[in-house]
PDB file of all heavy atoms in Angstrom:
ATOM      1  N   ALA A   1      10.530   1.016  21.107  1.00  0.00           N
ATOM      2  CA  ALA A   1      11.749   1.716  20.688  1.00  0.00           C
ATOM      3  C   ALA A   1      11.454   2.684  19.552  1.00  0.00           C
ATOM      4  O   ALA A   1      11.974   3.808  19.530  1.00  0.00           O
ATOM      5  CB  ALA A   1      12.810   0.697  20.263  1.00  0.00           C
ATOM      6  N   GLN A   2      10.619   2.265  18.610  1.00  0.00           N
ATOM      7  CA  GLN A   2      10.249   3.141  17.502  1.00  0.00           C
ATOM      8  C   GLN A   2       9.529   4.385  18.012  1.00  0.00           C
ATOM      9  O   GLN A   2       9.792   5.504  17.566  1.00  0.00           O
ATOM     10  CB  GLN A   2       9.351   2.375  16.529  1.00  0.00           C
ATOM     11  CG  GLN A   2       8.953   3.162  15.293  1.00  0.00           C
ATOM     12  CD  GLN A   2       7.915   2.425  14.485  1.00  0.00           C
ATOM     13  OE1 GLN A   2       6.740   2.356  14.875  1.00  0.00           O
ATOM     14  NE2 GLN A   2       8.338   1.844  13.365  1.00  0.00           N
ATOM     15  N   ARG A   3       8.612   4.192  18.950  1.00  0.00           N
ATOM     16  CA  ARG A   3       7.863   5.331  19.510  1.00  0.00           C
ATOM     17  C   ARG A   3       8.790   6.294  20.240  1.00  0.00           C
ATOM     18  O   ARG A   3       8.690   7.519  20.088  1.00  0.00           O
ATOM     19  CB  ARG A   3       6.788   4.811  20.455  1.00  0.00           C
ATOM     20  CG  ARG A   3       5.925   5.900  21.098  1.00  0.00           C
ATOM     21  CD  ARG A   3       4.774   5.269  21.852  1.00  0.00           C
ATOM     22  NE  ARG A   3       3.937   6.288  22.467  1.00  0.00           N
ATOM     23  CZ  ARG A   3       3.981   6.639  23.755  1.00  0.00           C
ATOM     24  NH1 ARG A   3       4.865   6.048  24.564  1.00  0.00           N
ATOM     25  NH2 ARG A   3       3.182   7.566  24.230  1.00  0.00           N
ATOM     26  N   ALA A   4       9.715   5.758  21.035  1.00  0.00           N
ATOM     27  CA  ALA A   4      10.651   6.623  21.753  1.00  0.00           C
ATOM     28  C   ALA A   4      11.560   7.376  20.784  1.00  0.00           C
ATOM     29  O   ALA A   4      11.882   8.551  20.993  1.00  0.00           O
ATOM     30  CB  ALA A   4      11.480   5.796  22.735  1.00  0.00           C
ATOM     31  N   LEU A   5      11.971   6.702  19.712  1.00  0.00           N
ATOM     32  CA  LEU A   5      12.768   7.374  18.684  1.00  0.00           C
ATOM     33  C   LEU A   5      11.982   8.519  18.071  1.00  0.00           C
ATOM     34  O   LEU A   5      12.512   9.625  17.889  1.00  0.00           O
ATOM     35  CB  LEU A   5      13.161   6.360  17.604  1.00  0.00           C
ATOM     36  CG  LEU A   5      13.807   6.936  16.341  1.00  0.00           C
ATOM     37  CD1 LEU A   5      15.146   7.596  16.658  1.00  0.00           C
ATOM     38  CD2 LEU A   5      13.964   5.845  15.276  1.00  0.00           C
ATOM     39  N   ALA A   6      10.709   8.277  17.749  1.00  0.00           N
ATOM     40  CA  ALA A   6       9.879   9.328  17.155  1.00  0.00           C
ATOM     41  C   ALA A   6       9.737  10.517  18.103  1.00  0.00           C
ATOM     42  O   ALA A   6       9.802  11.680  17.676  1.00  0.00           O
ATOM     43  CB  ALA A   6       8.503   8.763  16.797  1.00  0.00           C
ATOM     44  N   GLN A   7       9.550  10.262  19.392  1.00  0.00           N
ATOM     45  CA  GLN A   7       9.463  11.346  20.368  1.00  0.00           C
ATOM     46  C   GLN A   7      10.746  12.166  20.397  1.00  0.00           C
ATOM     47  O   GLN A   7      10.719  13.405  20.409  1.00  0.00           O
ATOM     48  CB  GLN A   7       9.189  10.788  21.763  1.00  0.00           C
ATOM     49  CG  GLN A   7       7.774  10.303  21.984  1.00  0.00           C
ATOM     50  CD  GLN A   7       7.594   9.771  23.393  1.00  0.00           C
ATOM     51  OE1 GLN A   7       8.515   9.161  23.967  1.00  0.00           O
ATOM     52  NE2 GLN A   7       6.430   9.977  23.960  1.00  0.00           N
ATOM     53  N   SER A   8      11.875  11.473  20.425  1.00  0.00           N
ATOM     54  CA  SER A   8      13.157  12.166  20.462  1.00  0.00           C
ATOM     55  C   SER A   8      13.354  13.029  19.220  1.00  0.00           C
ATOM     56  O   SER A   8      13.788  14.188  19.307  1.00  0.00           O
ATOM     57  CB  SER A   8      14.294  11.140  20.577  1.00  0.00           C
ATOM     58  OG  SER A   8      15.557  11.770  20.527  1.00  0.00           O
ATOM     59  N   MET A   9      13.022  12.467  18.049  1.00  0.00           N
ATOM     60  CA  MET A   9      13.167  13.221  16.802  1.00  0.00           C
ATOM     61  C   MET A   9      12.236  14.429  16.780  1.00  0.00           C
ATOM     62  O   MET A   9      12.618  15.520  16.327  1.00  0.00           O
ATOM     63  CB  MET A   9      12.893  12.323  15.605  1.00  0.00           C
ATOM     64  CG  MET A   9      13.911  11.229  15.396  1.00  0.00           C
ATOM     65  SD  MET A   9      13.855  10.492  13.727  1.00  0.00           S
ATOM     66  CE  MET A   9      12.127  10.193  13.476  1.00  0.00           C
ATOM     67  N   ALA A  10      11.005  14.248  17.254  1.00  0.00           N
ATOM     68  CA  ALA A  10      10.051  15.352  17.235  1.00  0.00           C
ATOM     69  C   ALA A  10      10.555  16.521  18.082  1.00  0.00           C
ATOM     70  O   ALA A  10      10.498  17.687  17.669  1.00  0.00           O
ATOM     71  CB  ALA A  10       8.687  14.875  17.720  1.00  0.00           C
ATOM     72  N   ARG A  11      11.065  16.219  19.258  1.00  0.00           N
ATOM     73  CA  ARG A  11      11.539  17.286  20.147  1.00  0.00           C
ATOM     74  C   ARG A  11      12.746  18.018  19.565  1.00  0.00           C
ATOM     75  O   ARG A  11      12.934  19.213  19.786  1.00  0.00           O
ATOM     76  CB  ARG A  11      11.883  16.696  21.521  1.00  0.00           C
ATOM     77  CG  ARG A  11      10.645  16.251  22.291  1.00  0.00           C
ATOM     78  CD  ARG A  11      11.017  15.470  23.538  1.00  0.00           C
ATOM     79  NE  ARG A  11       9.829  15.032  24.250  1.00  0.00           N
ATOM     80  CZ  ARG A  11       9.242  15.688  25.256  1.00  0.00           C
ATOM     81  NH1 ARG A  11       9.728  16.853  25.659  1.00  0.00           N
ATOM     82  NH2 ARG A  11       8.186  15.196  25.850  1.00  0.00           N
ATOM     83  N   GLN A  12      13.548  17.295  18.807  1.00  0.00           N
ATOM     84  CA  GLN A  12      14.714  17.925  18.189  1.00  0.00           C
ATOM     85  C   GLN A  12      14.354  18.679  16.917  1.00  0.00           C
ATOM     86  O   GLN A  12      14.863  19.786  16.676  1.00  0.00           O
ATOM     87  CB  GLN A  12      15.751  16.857  17.844  1.00  0.00           C
ATOM     88  CG  GLN A  12      16.949  17.404  17.068  1.00  0.00           C
ATOM     89  CD  GLN A  12      17.788  16.308  16.443  1.00  0.00           C
ATOM     90  OE1 GLN A  12      17.591  15.120  16.708  1.00  0.00           O
ATOM     91  NE2 GLN A  12      18.721  16.693  15.588  1.00  0.00           N
ATOM     92  N   LEU A  13      13.485  18.111  16.079  1.00  0.00           N
ATOM     93  CA  LEU A  13      13.321  18.590  14.707  1.00  0.00           C
ATOM     94  C   LEU A  13      12.151  19.542  14.490  1.00  0.00           C
ATOM     95  O   LEU A  13      12.156  20.297  13.510  1.00  0.00           O
ATOM     96  CB  LEU A  13      13.180  17.387  13.758  1.00  0.00           C
ATOM     97  CG  LEU A  13      14.387  16.438  13.708  1.00  0.00           C
ATOM     98  CD1 LEU A  13      14.065  15.211  12.885  1.00  0.00           C
ATOM     99  CD2 LEU A  13      15.614  17.151  13.158  1.00  0.00           C
ATOM    100  N   TRP A  14      11.164  19.507  15.360  1.00  0.00           N
ATOM    101  CA  TRP A  14      10.031  20.419  15.164  1.00  0.00           C
ATOM    102  C   TRP A  14      10.461  21.884  15.033  1.00  0.00           C
ATOM    103  O   TRP A  14       9.957  22.594  14.153  1.00  0.00           O
ATOM    104  CB  TRP A  14       9.028  20.267  16.298  1.00  0.00           C
ATOM    105  CG  TRP A  14       8.049  19.146  16.156  1.00  0.00           C
ATOM    106  CD1 TRP A  14       8.200  17.995  15.429  1.00  0.00           C
ATOM    107  CD2 TRP A  14       6.767  19.058  16.773  1.00  0.00           C
ATOM    108  NE1 TRP A  14       7.097  17.193  15.562  1.00  0.00           N
ATOM    109  CE2 TRP A  14       6.201  17.816  16.380  1.00  0.00           C
ATOM    110  CE3 TRP A  14       6.049  19.886  17.628  1.00  0.00           C
ATOM    111  CZ2 TRP A  14       4.925  17.413  16.812  1.00  0.00           C
ATOM    112  CZ3 TRP A  14       4.792  19.480  18.071  1.00  0.00           C
ATOM    113  CH2 TRP A  14       4.240  18.268  17.644  1.00  0.00           C
ATOM    114  N   PRO A  15      11.378  22.370  15.883  1.00  0.00           N
ATOM    115  CA  PRO A  15      11.740  23.791  15.755  1.00  0.00           C
ATOM    116  C   PRO A  15      12.331  24.151  14.399  1.00  0.00           C
ATOM    117  O   PRO A  15      12.291  25.324  13.999  1.00  0.00           O
ATOM    118  CB  PRO A  15      12.768  23.998  16.875  1.00  0.00           C
ATOM    119  CG  PRO A  15      12.441  22.946  17.890  1.00  0.00           C
ATOM    120  CD  PRO A  15      12.018  21.758  17.064  1.00  0.00           C
ATOM    121  N   GLY A  16      12.874  23.168  13.678  1.00  0.00           N
ATOM    122  CA  GLY A  16      13.431  23.427  12.358  1.00  0.00           C
ATOM    123  C   GLY A  16      12.438  23.249  11.231  1.00  0.00           C
ATOM    124  O   GLY A  16      12.826  23.284  10.051  1.00  0.00           O
ATOM    125  N   GLY A  17      11.154  23.048  11.579  1.00  0.00           N
ATOM    126  CA  GLY A  17      10.128  22.941  10.554  1.00  0.00           C
ATOM    127  C   GLY A  17       9.839  21.527  10.076  1.00  0.00           C
ATOM    128  O   GLY A  17       9.075  21.342   9.125  1.00  0.00           O
ATOM    129  N   ILE A  18      10.440  20.529  10.712  1.00  0.00           N
ATOM    130  CA  ILE A  18      10.215  19.136  10.316  1.00  0.00           C
ATOM    131  C   ILE A  18       9.205  18.511  11.273  1.00  0.00           C
ATOM    132  O   ILE A  18       9.470  18.372  12.470  1.00  0.00           O
ATOM    133  CB  ILE A  18      11.528  18.333  10.322  1.00  0.00           C
ATOM    134  CG1 ILE A  18      12.555  18.982   9.396  1.00  0.00           C
ATOM    135  CG2 ILE A  18      11.267  16.887   9.892  1.00  0.00           C
ATOM    136  CD1 ILE A  18      13.934  18.341   9.464  1.00  0.00           C
ATOM    137  N   HIS A  19       8.060  18.159  10.744  1.00  0.00           N
ATOM    138  CA  HIS A  19       6.988  17.597  11.562  1.00  0.00           C
ATOM    139  C   HIS A  19       7.164  16.089  11.664  1.00  0.00           C
ATOM    140  O   HIS A  19       6.981  15.367  10.679  1.00  0.00           O
ATOM    141  CB  HIS A  19       5.631  17.929  10.931  1.00  0.00           C
ATOM    142  CG  HIS A  19       4.467  17.471  11.752  1.00  0.00           C
ATOM    143  ND1 HIS A  19       3.178  17.488  11.265  1.00  0.00           N
ATOM    144  CD2 HIS A  19       4.373  16.996  13.022  1.00  0.00           C
ATOM    145  CE1 HIS A  19       2.348  17.045  12.196  1.00  0.00           C
ATOM    146  NE2 HIS A  19       3.050  16.724  13.268  1.00  0.00           N
ATOM    147  N   VAL A  20       7.536  15.614  12.826  1.00  0.00           N
ATOM    148  CA  VAL A  20       7.637  14.182  13.100  1.00  0.00           C
ATOM    149  C   VAL A  20       6.383  13.772  13.860  1.00  0.00           C
ATOM    150  O   VAL A  20       6.023  14.395  14.864  1.00  0.00           O
ATOM    151  CB  VAL A  20       8.890  13.848  13.926  1.00  0.00           C
ATOM    152  CG1 VAL A  20       8.969  12.342  14.189  1.00  0.00           C
ATOM    153  CG2 VAL A  20      10.146  14.335  13.222  1.00  0.00           C
ATOM    154  N   ALA A  21       5.709  12.734  13.376  1.00  0.00           N
ATOM    155  CA  ALA A  21       4.471  12.300  13.996  1.00  0.00           C
ATOM    156  C   ALA A  21       4.383  10.775  13.965  1.00  0.00           C
ATOM    157  O   ALA A  21       5.042  10.110  13.161  1.00  0.00           O
ATOM    158  CB  ALA A  21       3.263  12.907  13.279  1.00  0.00           C
ATOM    159  N   LEU A  22       3.542  10.249  14.853  1.00  0.00           N
ATOM    160  CA  LEU A  22       3.382   8.803  14.991  1.00  0.00           C
ATOM    161  C   LEU A  22       1.896   8.466  14.963  1.00  0.00           C
ATOM    162  O   LEU A  22       1.090   9.094  15.656  1.00  0.00           O
ATOM    163  CB  LEU A  22       3.989   8.335  16.322  1.00  0.00           C
ATOM    164  CG  LEU A  22       3.864   6.856  16.675  1.00  0.00           C
ATOM    165  CD1 LEU A  22       4.771   6.012  15.791  1.00  0.00           C
ATOM    166  CD2 LEU A  22       4.210   6.632  18.154  1.00  0.00           C
ATOM    167  N   VAL A  23       1.532   7.481  14.134  1.00  0.00           N
ATOM    168  CA  VAL A  23       0.165   6.958  14.109  1.00  0.00           C
ATOM    169  C   VAL A  23       0.178   5.593  14.784  1.00  0.00           C
ATOM    170  O   VAL A  23       0.844   4.667  14.309  1.00  0.00           O
ATOM    171  CB  VAL A  23      -0.374   6.821  12.672  1.00  0.00           C
ATOM    172  CG1 VAL A  23      -1.809   6.286  12.702  1.00  0.00           C
ATOM    173  CG2 VAL A  23      -0.323   8.154  11.946  1.00  0.00           C
ATOM    174  N   ILE A  24      -0.521   5.475  15.896  1.00  0.00           N
ATOM    175  CA  ILE A  24      -0.601   4.196  16.606  1.00  0.00           C
ATOM    176  C   ILE A  24      -1.852   3.470  16.118  1.00  0.00           C
ATOM    177  O   ILE A  24      -2.972   3.907  16.351  1.00  0.00           O
ATOM    178  CB  ILE A  24      -0.646   4.409  18.126  1.00  0.00           C
ATOM    179  CG1 ILE A  24       0.706   4.943  18.615  1.00  0.00           C
ATOM    180  CG2 ILE A  24      -1.004   3.113  18.835  1.00  0.00           C
ATOM    181  CD1 ILE A  24       0.803   5.104  20.104  1.00  0.00           C
ATOM    182  N   ILE A  25      -1.650   2.353  15.429  1.00  0.00           N
ATOM    183  CA  ILE A  25      -2.753   1.544  14.936  1.00  0.00           C
ATOM    184  C   ILE A  25      -3.186   0.586  16.046  1.00  0.00           C
ATOM    185  O   ILE A  25      -2.380  -0.194  16.550  1.00  0.00           O
ATOM    186  CB  ILE A  25      -2.342   0.721  13.694  1.00  0.00           C
ATOM    187  CG1 ILE A  25      -1.752   1.633  12.619  1.00  0.00           C
ATOM    188  CG2 ILE A  25      -3.536  -0.084  13.182  1.00  0.00           C
ATOM    189  CD1 ILE A  25      -2.714   2.413  11.828  1.00  0.00           C
ATOM    190  N   ASP A  26      -4.445   0.663  16.430  1.00  0.00           N
ATOM    191  CA  ASP A  26      -4.984  -0.222  17.451  1.00  0.00           C
ATOM    192  C   ASP A  26      -6.117  -1.023  16.820  1.00  0.00           C
ATOM    193  O   ASP A  26      -7.260  -0.569  16.753  1.00  0.00           O
ATOM    194  CB  ASP A  26      -5.500   0.597  18.640  1.00  0.00           C
ATOM    195  CG  ASP A  26      -5.952  -0.293  19.786  1.00  0.00           C
ATOM    196  OD1 ASP A  26      -5.620  -1.494  19.781  1.00  0.00           O
ATOM    197  OD2 ASP A  26      -6.635   0.212  20.695  1.00  0.00           O
ATOM    198  N   GLY A  27      -5.788  -2.197  16.319  1.00  0.00           N
ATOM    199  CA  GLY A  27      -6.794  -3.016  15.661  1.00  0.00           C
ATOM    200  C   GLY A  27      -6.166  -3.855  14.570  1.00  0.00           C
ATOM    201  O   GLY A  27      -4.953  -3.820  14.344  1.00  0.00           O
ATOM    202  N   ILE A  28      -6.999  -4.599  13.876  1.00  0.00           N
ATOM    203  CA  ILE A  28      -6.552  -5.501  12.821  1.00  0.00           C
ATOM    204  C   ILE A  28      -6.855  -4.865  11.473  1.00  0.00           C
ATOM    205  O   ILE A  28      -8.000  -4.505  11.184  1.00  0.00           O
ATOM    206  CB  ILE A  28      -7.238  -6.871  12.948  1.00  0.00           C
ATOM    207  CG1 ILE A  28      -6.826  -7.523  14.283  1.00  0.00           C
ATOM    208  CG2 ILE A  28      -6.887  -7.779  11.779  1.00  0.00           C
ATOM    209  CD1 ILE A  28      -7.508  -8.841  14.559  1.00  0.00           C
ATOM    210  N   VAL A  29      -5.824  -4.710  10.666  1.00  0.00           N
ATOM    211  CA  VAL A  29      -5.978  -4.060   9.363  1.00  0.00           C
ATOM    212  C   VAL A  29      -6.743  -4.982   8.411  1.00  0.00           C
ATOM    213  O   VAL A  29      -6.546  -6.192   8.407  1.00  0.00           O
ATOM    214  CB  VAL A  29      -4.596  -3.695   8.782  1.00  0.00           C
ATOM    215  CG1 VAL A  29      -4.743  -3.101   7.386  1.00  0.00           C
ATOM    216  CG2 VAL A  29      -3.889  -2.713   9.709  1.00  0.00           C
ATOM    217  N   ASP A  30      -7.617  -4.377   7.623  1.00  0.00           N
ATOM    218  CA  ASP A  30      -8.475  -5.133   6.706  1.00  0.00           C
ATOM    219  C   ASP A  30      -7.664  -5.621   5.499  1.00  0.00           C
ATOM    220  O   ASP A  30      -7.437  -4.886   4.545  1.00  0.00           O
ATOM    221  CB  ASP A  30      -9.630  -4.241   6.241  1.00  0.00           C
ATOM    222  CG  ASP A  30     -10.717  -5.036   5.535  1.00  0.00           C
ATOM    223  OD1 ASP A  30     -10.560  -6.251   5.384  1.00  0.00           O
ATOM    224  OD2 ASP A  30     -11.727  -4.427   5.140  1.00  0.00           O
ATOM    225  N   LEU A  31      -7.234  -6.872   5.574  1.00  0.00           N
ATOM    226  CA  LEU A  31      -6.498  -7.526   4.491  1.00  0.00           C
ATOM    227  C   LEU A  31      -7.205  -8.837   4.146  1.00  0.00           C
ATOM    228  O   LEU A  31      -7.782  -9.484   5.030  1.00  0.00           O
ATOM    229  CB  LEU A  31      -5.058  -7.815   4.908  1.00  0.00           C
ATOM    230  CG  LEU A  31      -4.164  -6.587   5.131  1.00  0.00           C
ATOM    231  CD1 LEU A  31      -2.872  -6.996   5.816  1.00  0.00           C
ATOM    232  CD2 LEU A  31      -3.864  -5.905   3.812  1.00  0.00           C
ATOM    233  N   PRO A  32      -7.168  -9.260   2.888  1.00  0.00           N
ATOM    234  CA  PRO A  32      -7.903 -10.467   2.491  1.00  0.00           C
ATOM    235  C   PRO A  32      -7.565 -11.695   3.324  1.00  0.00           C
ATOM    236  O   PRO A  32      -8.455 -12.465   3.714  1.00  0.00           O
ATOM    237  CB  PRO A  32      -7.506 -10.641   1.026  1.00  0.00           C
ATOM    238  CG  PRO A  32      -7.198  -9.259   0.557  1.00  0.00           C
ATOM    239  CD  PRO A  32      -6.568  -8.568   1.726  1.00  0.00           C
ATOM    240  N   TRP A  33      -6.301 -11.920   3.605  1.00  0.00           N
ATOM    241  CA  TRP A  33      -5.930 -13.125   4.337  1.00  0.00           C
ATOM    242  C   TRP A  33      -6.398 -13.072   5.794  1.00  0.00           C
ATOM    243  O   TRP A  33      -6.724 -14.104   6.388  1.00  0.00           O
ATOM    244  CB  TRP A  33      -4.432 -13.386   4.246  1.00  0.00           C
ATOM    245  CG  TRP A  33      -3.553 -12.381   4.918  1.00  0.00           C
ATOM    246  CD1 TRP A  33      -3.061 -11.230   4.386  1.00  0.00           C
ATOM    247  CD2 TRP A  33      -3.035 -12.445   6.257  1.00  0.00           C
ATOM    248  NE1 TRP A  33      -2.275 -10.560   5.303  1.00  0.00           N
ATOM    249  CE2 TRP A  33      -2.244 -11.297   6.455  1.00  0.00           C
ATOM    250  CE3 TRP A  33      -3.167 -13.373   7.295  1.00  0.00           C
ATOM    251  CZ2 TRP A  33      -1.590 -11.033   7.659  1.00  0.00           C
ATOM    252  CZ3 TRP A  33      -2.504 -13.121   8.492  1.00  0.00           C
ATOM    253  CH2 TRP A  33      -1.726 -11.957   8.657  1.00  0.00           C
ATOM    254  N   LEU A  34      -6.492 -11.855   6.364  1.00  0.00           N
ATOM    255  CA  LEU A  34      -7.021 -11.736   7.714  1.00  0.00           C
ATOM    256  C   LEU A  34      -8.537 -11.908   7.725  1.00  0.00           C
ATOM    257  O   LEU A  34      -9.106 -12.484   8.654  1.00  0.00           O
ATOM    258  CB  LEU A  34      -6.630 -10.384   8.307  1.00  0.00           C
ATOM    259  CG  LEU A  34      -5.159 -10.242   8.688  1.00  0.00           C
ATOM    260  CD1 LEU A  34      -4.828  -8.807   9.057  1.00  0.00           C
ATOM    261  CD2 LEU A  34      -4.824 -11.181   9.855  1.00  0.00           C
ATOM    262  N   ARG A  35      -9.196 -11.414   6.675  1.00  0.00           N
ATOM    263  CA  ARG A  35     -10.630 -11.652   6.539  1.00  0.00           C
ATOM    264  C   ARG A  35     -10.915 -13.151   6.494  1.00  0.00           C
ATOM    265  O   ARG A  35     -11.885 -13.638   7.089  1.00  0.00           O
ATOM    266  CB  ARG A  35     -11.149 -10.983   5.266  1.00  0.00           C
ATOM    267  CG  ARG A  35     -11.284  -9.487   5.349  1.00  0.00           C
ATOM    268  CD  ARG A  35     -12.656  -9.110   5.874  1.00  0.00           C
ATOM    269  NE  ARG A  35     -12.867  -7.677   5.804  1.00  0.00           N
ATOM    270  CZ  ARG A  35     -14.044  -7.102   5.937  1.00  0.00           C
ATOM    271  NH1 ARG A  35     -15.134  -7.834   6.136  1.00  0.00           N
ATOM    272  NH2 ARG A  35     -14.165  -5.792   5.884  1.00  0.00           N
ATOM    273  N   ALA A  36     -10.086 -13.878   5.777  1.00  0.00           N
ATOM    274  CA  ALA A  36     -10.284 -15.326   5.661  1.00  0.00           C
ATOM    275  C   ALA A  36     -10.108 -16.029   7.004  1.00  0.00           C
ATOM    276  O   ALA A  36     -10.782 -17.021   7.297  1.00  0.00           O
ATOM    277  CB  ALA A  36      -9.311 -15.898   4.631  1.00  0.00           C
ATOM    278  N   GLU A  37      -9.188 -15.512   7.827  1.00  0.00           N
ATOM    279  CA  GLU A  37      -8.960 -16.106   9.139  1.00  0.00           C
ATOM    280  C   GLU A  37     -10.044 -15.724  10.139  1.00  0.00           C
ATOM    281  O   GLU A  37     -10.239 -16.418  11.144  1.00  0.00           O
ATOM    282  CB  GLU A  37      -7.595 -15.691   9.678  1.00  0.00           C
ATOM    283  CG  GLU A  37      -6.417 -16.322   8.954  1.00  0.00           C
ATOM    284  CD  GLU A  37      -5.109 -16.041   9.646  1.00  0.00           C
ATOM    285  OE1 GLU A  37      -5.115 -15.360  10.689  1.00  0.00           O
ATOM    286  OE2 GLU A  37      -4.073 -16.509   9.156  1.00  0.00           O
ATOM    287  N   LEU A  38     -10.731 -14.601   9.876  1.00  0.00           N
ATOM    288  CA  LEU A  38     -11.750 -14.097  10.805  1.00  0.00           C
ATOM    289  C   LEU A  38     -13.063 -13.881  10.055  1.00  0.00           C
ATOM    290  O   LEU A  38     -13.569 -12.761   9.971  1.00  0.00           O
ATOM    291  CB  LEU A  38     -11.269 -12.783  11.439  1.00  0.00           C
ATOM    292  CG  LEU A  38      -9.948 -12.856  12.212  1.00  0.00           C
ATOM    293  CD1 LEU A  38      -9.416 -11.465  12.496  1.00  0.00           C
ATOM    294  CD2 LEU A  38     -10.148 -13.628  13.514  1.00  0.00           C
ATOM    295  N   PRO A  39     -13.635 -14.933   9.506  1.00  0.00           N
ATOM    296  CA  PRO A  39     -14.779 -14.773   8.610  1.00  0.00           C
ATOM    297  C   PRO A  39     -16.041 -14.262   9.294  1.00  0.00           C
ATOM    298  O   PRO A  39     -16.943 -13.733   8.626  1.00  0.00           O
ATOM    299  CB  PRO A  39     -14.992 -16.191   8.057  1.00  0.00           C
ATOM    300  CG  PRO A  39     -14.435 -17.091   9.118  1.00  0.00           C
ATOM    301  CD  PRO A  39     -13.267 -16.351   9.686  1.00  0.00           C
ATOM    302  N   ASP A  40     -16.134 -14.399  10.603  1.00  0.00           N
ATOM    303  CA  ASP A  40     -17.357 -13.994  11.311  1.00  0.00           C
ATOM    304  C   ASP A  40     -17.318 -12.552  11.796  1.00  0.00           C
ATOM    305  O   ASP A  40     -18.295 -12.071  12.378  1.00  0.00           O
ATOM    306  CB  ASP A  40     -17.595 -14.920  12.510  1.00  0.00           C
ATOM    307  CG  ASP A  40     -17.799 -16.370  12.092  1.00  0.00           C
ATOM    308  OD1 ASP A  40     -18.332 -16.584  10.979  1.00  0.00           O
ATOM    309  OD2 ASP A  40     -17.404 -17.267  12.855  1.00  0.00           O
ATOM    310  N   ARG A  41     -16.206 -11.865  11.574  1.00  0.00           N
ATOM    311  CA  ARG A  41     -16.104 -10.493  12.065  1.00  0.00           C
ATOM    312  C   ARG A  41     -16.760  -9.515  11.081  1.00  0.00           C
ATOM    313  O   ARG A  41     -16.554  -9.624   9.870  1.00  0.00           O
ATOM    314  CB  ARG A  41     -14.642 -10.107  12.275  1.00  0.00           C
ATOM    315  CG  ARG A  41     -13.916 -10.993  13.274  1.00  0.00           C
ATOM    316  CD  ARG A  41     -14.574 -10.989  14.656  1.00  0.00           C
ATOM    317  NE  ARG A  41     -13.970 -11.910  15.581  1.00  0.00           N
ATOM    318  CZ  ARG A  41     -13.046 -11.578  16.481  1.00  0.00           C
ATOM    319  NH1 ARG A  41     -12.641 -10.317  16.558  1.00  0.00           N
ATOM    320  NH2 ARG A  41     -12.543 -12.483  17.286  1.00  0.00           N
ATOM    321  N   PRO A  42     -17.511  -8.537  11.590  1.00  0.00           N
ATOM    322  CA  PRO A  42     -18.161  -7.564  10.702  1.00  0.00           C
ATOM    323  C   PRO A  42     -17.159  -6.553  10.152  1.00  0.00           C
ATOM    324  O   PRO A  42     -16.025  -6.442  10.636  1.00  0.00           O
ATOM    325  CB  PRO A  42     -19.172  -6.878  11.630  1.00  0.00           C
ATOM    326  CG  PRO A  42     -18.549  -6.990  12.994  1.00  0.00           C
ATOM    327  CD  PRO A  42     -17.822  -8.308  13.003  1.00  0.00           C
TER     328      PRO A  42
END
């Protein structure tokens, strides 16, 4: 739903100079508690 909202906003707002963009994170973010749960990962 968030992605579809971003697409809709981009199509509406880009012509007015407002850059709407989406960053799709594919992976596990490096946080201390996740490191502790996955100690063998490089």
